[in-house]
Amino acid sequence: MSGIALVTGAGSGIGRASAVALAGAGFTVVLAGRRVELLESAAEEAGGAAVAVACDVRDPASVAALFAEVDARFGRLDVLFNNAGVGAPPVPLEDLTVEQWRTVLDTNVTGAFLCTQEAFRLMKRQSPRGGRIINNGSISAYVPRPLSAPYTAAKHAITGLTRSTSLDGRAYDIACGQIDIGNAATDLTAPMSTTGVLQADGSVALEPTMDVADVARAVVYMATLPPGANVQFLTVMATTMPFIGRG
């Protein structure tokens, strides 16, 4: 499938794997993030016409410049994957600082909103009109882990943004869906399978993980649907991870 896809947080982890997979599916991919050297490495891995563009999704001016570059280079955008996100230290809720709270909300929620806003402006005026936005949610959009209030609140907010974007984009042929991911094997989740992570009962336990390539394939599936079809919510997770009573 041909088209222009933009992935935020594309330098590592799920973003990098998804950008490479989208390029393999025929998209020209714009990889955005703060760490230029990682973006350039990922763009080289993606090959073809992949482009690395530095962007801080928390900064409205930086986001505007990113989308202006996409418009100038390609004249359109077919898929936006709002993937950029961060977490806060796993400390008691009452010990979190306001700055830690704001960092998570500014990146995970405001960043996704700013990118969605710019995508709307471009997708509404391009010809053919419309496109697709995929938001990276989380299983935390449904159930929290211990000591994760900022991240959990942010992912619940993403679900609200996904629903509103899906509704508000309908009149302009802009589809929006959300992928909720559980225990993809990345550098950030390495403790799950090595030292273990905190459980709800206070114990620390190892948890199963899944190959990040399986997440990337799910993103490609969502991205390559025809305009008349949309995955509103998709959960992809390590089969035996502790979720819905498992574990």
Protein backbone atom coordinates (compact mmCIF):
# COMPACT_ATOMS: atom_id res chain seq x y z
CA MET A 1 0.00 0.00 0.00
CA SER A 2 1.37 3.42 -0.91
CA GLY A 3 0.85 6.53 1.17
CA ILE A 4 2.52 8.80 3.71
CA ALA A 5 2.68 7.64 7.34
CA LEU A 6 3.96 9.63 10.32
CA VAL A 7 5.08 7.86 13.50
CA THR A 8 5.91 9.78 16.67
CA GLY A 9 8.31 8.35 19.21
CA ALA A 10 9.81 6.45 16.29
CA GLY A 11 13.40 6.15 17.47
CA SER A 12 12.96 3.03 19.58
CA GLY A 13 10.58 0.36 20.83
CA ILE A 14 7.07 0.13 19.43
CA GLY A 15 7.46 3.28 17.37
CA ARG A 16 10.59 2.08 15.63
CA ALA A 17 9.20 -1.39 14.95
CA SER A 18 5.97 0.08 13.60
CA ALA A 19 7.77 2.57 11.36
CA VAL A 20 9.89 -0.20 9.86
CA ALA A 21 6.83 -2.39 9.37
CA LEU A 22 4.85 0.42 7.74
CA ALA A 23 7.74 1.04 5.35
CA GLY A 24 7.75 -2.67 4.56
CA ALA A 25 4.03 -2.42 3.78
CA GLY A 26 4.72 0.24 1.15
CA PHE A 27 4.32 3.50 3.06
CA THR A 28 6.72 6.39 2.86
CA VAL A 29 7.38 6.91 6.57
CA VAL A 30 8.23 10.06 8.50
CA LEU A 31 9.89 9.17 11.81
CA ALA A 32 9.54 11.84 14.48
CA GLY A 33 11.04 12.10 17.95
CA ARG A 34 13.49 13.99 20.13
CA ARG A 35 16.62 11.82 19.71
CA VAL A 36 17.90 12.49 16.21
CA GLU A 37 20.57 9.80 16.16
CA LEU A 38 18.02 7.09 17.01
CA LEU A 39 15.59 8.45 14.41
CA GLU A 40 18.24 8.39 11.70
CA SER A 41 19.19 4.83 12.59
CA ALA A 42 15.53 3.79 12.47
CA ALA A 43 15.01 5.56 9.16
CA GLU A 44 18.01 3.72 7.73
CA GLU A 45 16.50 0.44 8.91
CA ALA A 46 13.16 1.36 7.34
CA GLY A 47 14.91 2.11 4.05
CA GLY A 48 13.30 3.55 0.96
CA ALA A 49 12.03 7.07 1.32
CA ALA A 50 11.93 7.11 5.14
CA VAL A 51 12.61 10.53 6.64
CA ALA A 52 13.75 11.41 10.17
CA VAL A 53 12.47 14.70 11.63
CA ALA A 54 13.28 15.96 15.11
CA CYS A 55 10.19 16.94 17.07
CA ASP A 56 9.13 17.45 20.69
CA VAL A 57 5.43 16.62 20.74
CA ARG A 58 4.99 18.66 23.93
CA ASP A 59 5.86 21.85 22.04
CA PRO A 60 3.13 23.29 19.76
CA ALA A 61 5.69 25.10 17.61
CA SER A 62 7.74 21.94 17.15
CA VAL A 63 4.65 19.95 16.18
CA ALA A 64 3.55 22.66 13.74
CA ALA A 65 7.00 22.61 12.15
CA LEU A 66 6.87 18.81 11.82
CA PHE A 67 3.57 18.86 9.97
CA ALA A 68 4.66 21.81 7.84
CA GLU A 69 7.64 19.71 6.73
CA VAL A 70 5.39 16.74 5.95
CA ASP A 71 3.15 19.02 3.91
CA ALA A 72 6.09 20.62 2.10
CA ARG A 73 7.76 17.29 1.27
CA PHE A 74 4.73 15.18 0.40
CA GLY A 75 1.65 17.40 0.22
CA ARG A 76 -0.44 14.98 2.26
CA LEU A 77 -0.61 12.59 5.20
CA ASP A 78 -2.45 9.28 5.10
CA VAL A 79 -1.67 7.75 8.51
CA LEU A 80 -0.63 9.27 11.83
CA PHE A 81 0.49 6.90 14.59
CA ASN A 82 0.42 8.84 17.88
CA ASN A 83 2.94 6.66 19.67
CA ALA A 84 5.17 9.01 21.68
CA GLY A 85 4.82 8.48 25.40
CA VAL A 86 6.62 8.39 28.74
CA GLY A 87 5.95 7.11 32.25
CA ALA A 88 6.67 8.38 35.74
CA PRO A 89 8.78 6.73 38.45
CA PRO A 90 6.88 3.96 40.31
CA VAL A 91 6.62 5.79 43.62
CA PRO A 92 3.66 6.21 46.01
CA LEU A 93 1.03 8.49 44.54
CA GLU A 94 1.47 11.07 47.28
CA ASP A 95 5.20 11.30 46.53
CA LEU A 96 4.84 12.16 42.85
CA THR A 97 5.84 15.69 41.96
CA VAL A 98 3.65 17.98 39.92
CA GLU A 99 6.47 18.14 37.38
CA GLN A 100 6.42 14.34 36.98
CA TRP A 101 2.66 14.40 36.54
CA ARG A 102 2.85 17.18 33.96
CA THR A 103 5.63 15.50 32.00
CA VAL A 104 3.52 12.38 31.49
CA LEU A 105 0.31 14.25 30.65
CA ASP A 106 2.08 16.77 28.40
CA THR A 107 3.78 14.03 26.39
CA ASN A 108 1.14 11.33 26.29
CA VAL A 109 -2.03 13.42 26.04
CA THR A 110 -1.21 16.97 24.95
CA GLY A 111 1.35 15.66 22.47
CA ALA A 112 -1.21 13.34 20.89
CA PHE A 113 -3.76 16.15 20.81
CA LEU A 114 -1.37 18.59 19.13
CA CYS A 115 -0.44 16.02 16.47
CA THR A 116 -4.09 15.13 15.92
CA GLN A 117 -4.98 18.79 15.54
CA GLU A 118 -2.30 19.33 12.90
CA ALA A 119 -3.26 16.08 11.15
CA PHE A 120 -6.87 17.26 10.95
CA ARG A 121 -5.80 20.52 9.32
CA LEU A 122 -3.79 18.69 6.67
CA MET A 123 -6.15 15.76 6.09
CA LYS A 124 -9.20 18.02 5.69
CA ARG A 125 -7.65 20.09 2.92
CA GLN A 126 -5.68 17.48 1.00
CA SER A 127 -7.00 15.68 -2.07
CA PRO A 128 -8.15 12.96 -1.82
CA ARG A 129 -9.47 14.18 1.53
CA GLY A 130 -9.16 12.26 4.77
CA GLY A 131 -6.81 9.79 6.40
CA ARG A 132 -6.36 7.63 9.47
CA ILE A 133 -5.12 8.33 12.99
CA ILE A 134 -4.00 5.50 15.27
CA ASN A 135 -3.47 6.23 18.96
CA ASN A 136 -1.21 4.13 21.15
CA GLY A 137 -3.32 3.43 24.20
CA SER A 138 -2.42 0.72 26.68
CA ILE A 139 -3.98 -1.97 28.78
CA SER A 140 -3.61 0.77 31.39
CA ALA A 141 -6.48 2.49 29.56
CA TYR A 142 -8.67 -0.13 31.27
CA VAL A 143 -6.83 -1.27 34.40
CA PRO A 144 -3.90 0.30 36.29
CA ARG A 145 -0.67 -1.18 37.48
CA PRO A 146 0.41 -0.26 41.01
CA LEU A 147 2.06 3.15 41.38
CA SER A 148 1.14 4.34 37.89
CA ALA A 149 -1.38 7.14 38.39
CA PRO A 150 0.00 9.61 35.79
CA TYR A 151 0.41 6.98 33.07
CA THR A 152 -2.96 5.38 33.77
CA ALA A 153 -4.75 8.74 33.79
CA ALA A 154 -3.03 9.65 30.53
CA LYS A 155 -4.08 6.45 28.80
CA HIS A 156 -7.68 6.85 29.96
CA ALA A 157 -7.52 10.34 28.43
CA ILE A 158 -6.22 8.87 25.17
CA THR A 159 -9.36 6.72 24.99
CA GLY A 160 -11.47 9.85 25.26
CA LEU A 161 -9.37 11.54 22.59
CA THR A 162 -9.73 8.50 20.34
CA ARG A 163 -13.51 8.52 20.62
CA SER A 164 -13.82 12.27 20.05
CA THR A 165 -11.39 12.18 17.14
CA SER A 166 -13.30 9.31 15.55
CA LEU A 167 -16.55 11.26 15.86
CA ASP A 168 -15.25 14.67 14.85
CA GLY A 169 -13.29 13.25 11.93
CA ARG A 170 -16.25 11.40 10.47
CA ALA A 171 -17.46 14.35 8.41
CA TYR A 172 -14.02 14.71 6.82
CA ASP A 173 -13.23 11.05 6.06
CA ILE A 174 -10.75 10.89 8.95
CA ALA A 175 -10.87 7.57 10.81
CA CYS A 176 -9.38 7.10 14.26
CA GLY A 177 -8.67 3.94 16.23
CA GLN A 178 -6.68 2.89 19.26
CA ILE A 179 -4.27 0.02 19.84
CA ASP A 180 -3.92 -1.12 23.45
CA ILE A 181 -0.68 -3.00 24.02
CA GLY A 182 0.32 -5.29 26.85
CA ASN A 183 3.89 -6.39 27.57
CA ALA A 184 5.63 -5.85 24.24
CA ALA A 185 9.31 -6.71 24.63
CA THR A 186 11.24 -3.43 24.43
CA ASP A 187 14.07 -1.86 26.41
CA LEU A 188 11.49 -0.18 28.64
CA THR A 189 9.77 -3.45 29.52
CA ALA A 190 12.96 -5.49 29.99
CA PRO A 191 12.45 -5.77 33.79
CA MET A 192 9.26 -7.75 33.19
CA SER A 193 11.24 -10.77 32.03
CA THR A 194 14.45 -10.20 34.03
CA THR A 195 14.01 -8.76 37.53
CA GLY A 196 10.21 -8.75 37.67
CA VAL A 197 7.65 -5.99 38.22
CA LEU A 198 5.39 -4.98 41.10
CA GLN A 199 2.04 -6.79 41.31
CA ALA A 200 -1.22 -5.64 42.90
CA ASP A 201 -0.66 -7.85 45.95
CA GLY A 202 2.69 -6.20 46.66
CA SER A 203 4.81 -9.04 45.33
CA VAL A 204 7.35 -8.75 42.53
CA ALA A 205 6.96 -11.25 39.70
CA LEU A 206 8.26 -12.00 36.25
CA GLU A 207 5.72 -11.49 33.47
CA PRO A 208 5.53 -12.92 29.94
CA THR A 209 6.28 -10.57 27.06
CA MET A 210 5.63 -10.72 23.33
CA ASP A 211 7.73 -9.79 20.31
CA VAL A 212 7.38 -6.11 19.43
CA ALA A 213 7.08 -7.21 15.78
CA ASP A 214 3.67 -8.65 16.64
CA VAL A 215 2.55 -5.18 17.72
CA ALA A 216 3.96 -3.66 14.54
CA ARG A 217 1.96 -6.13 12.44
CA ALA A 218 -1.20 -5.08 14.25
CA VAL A 219 -0.44 -1.41 13.56
CA VAL A 220 0.06 -2.21 9.87
CA TYR A 221 -3.26 -4.05 9.81
CA MET A 222 -5.05 -1.01 11.20
CA ALA A 223 -3.19 1.34 8.87
CA THR A 224 -3.91 -0.61 5.70
CA LEU A 225 -7.67 -1.00 6.05
CA PRO A 226 -9.71 0.58 3.25
CA PRO A 227 -11.30 3.97 4.02
CA GLY A 228 -14.68 2.36 4.64
CA ALA A 229 -13.42 0.21 7.55
CA ASN A 230 -11.92 1.10 10.91
CA VAL A 231 -10.62 -0.74 13.95
CA GLN A 232 -11.97 1.38 16.80
CA PHE A 233 -10.10 -0.48 19.56
CA LEU A 234 -7.64 -3.36 19.30
CA THR A 235 -5.89 -5.10 22.21
CA VAL A 236 -2.70 -7.05 21.52
CA MET A 237 -0.95 -8.60 24.51
CA ALA A 238 1.30 -11.36 25.73
CA THR A 239 -1.12 -14.28 25.96
CA THR A 240 -0.47 -15.25 29.57
CA MET A 241 0.29 -11.87 31.12
CA PRO A 242 -1.66 -10.94 34.25
CA PHE A 243 -4.78 -9.31 32.80
CA ILE A 244 -8.50 -10.14 33.06
CA GLY A 245 -7.78 -12.63 35.80
CA ARG A 246 -4.81 -14.29 34.13
CA GLY A 247 -1.45 -14.95 35.69
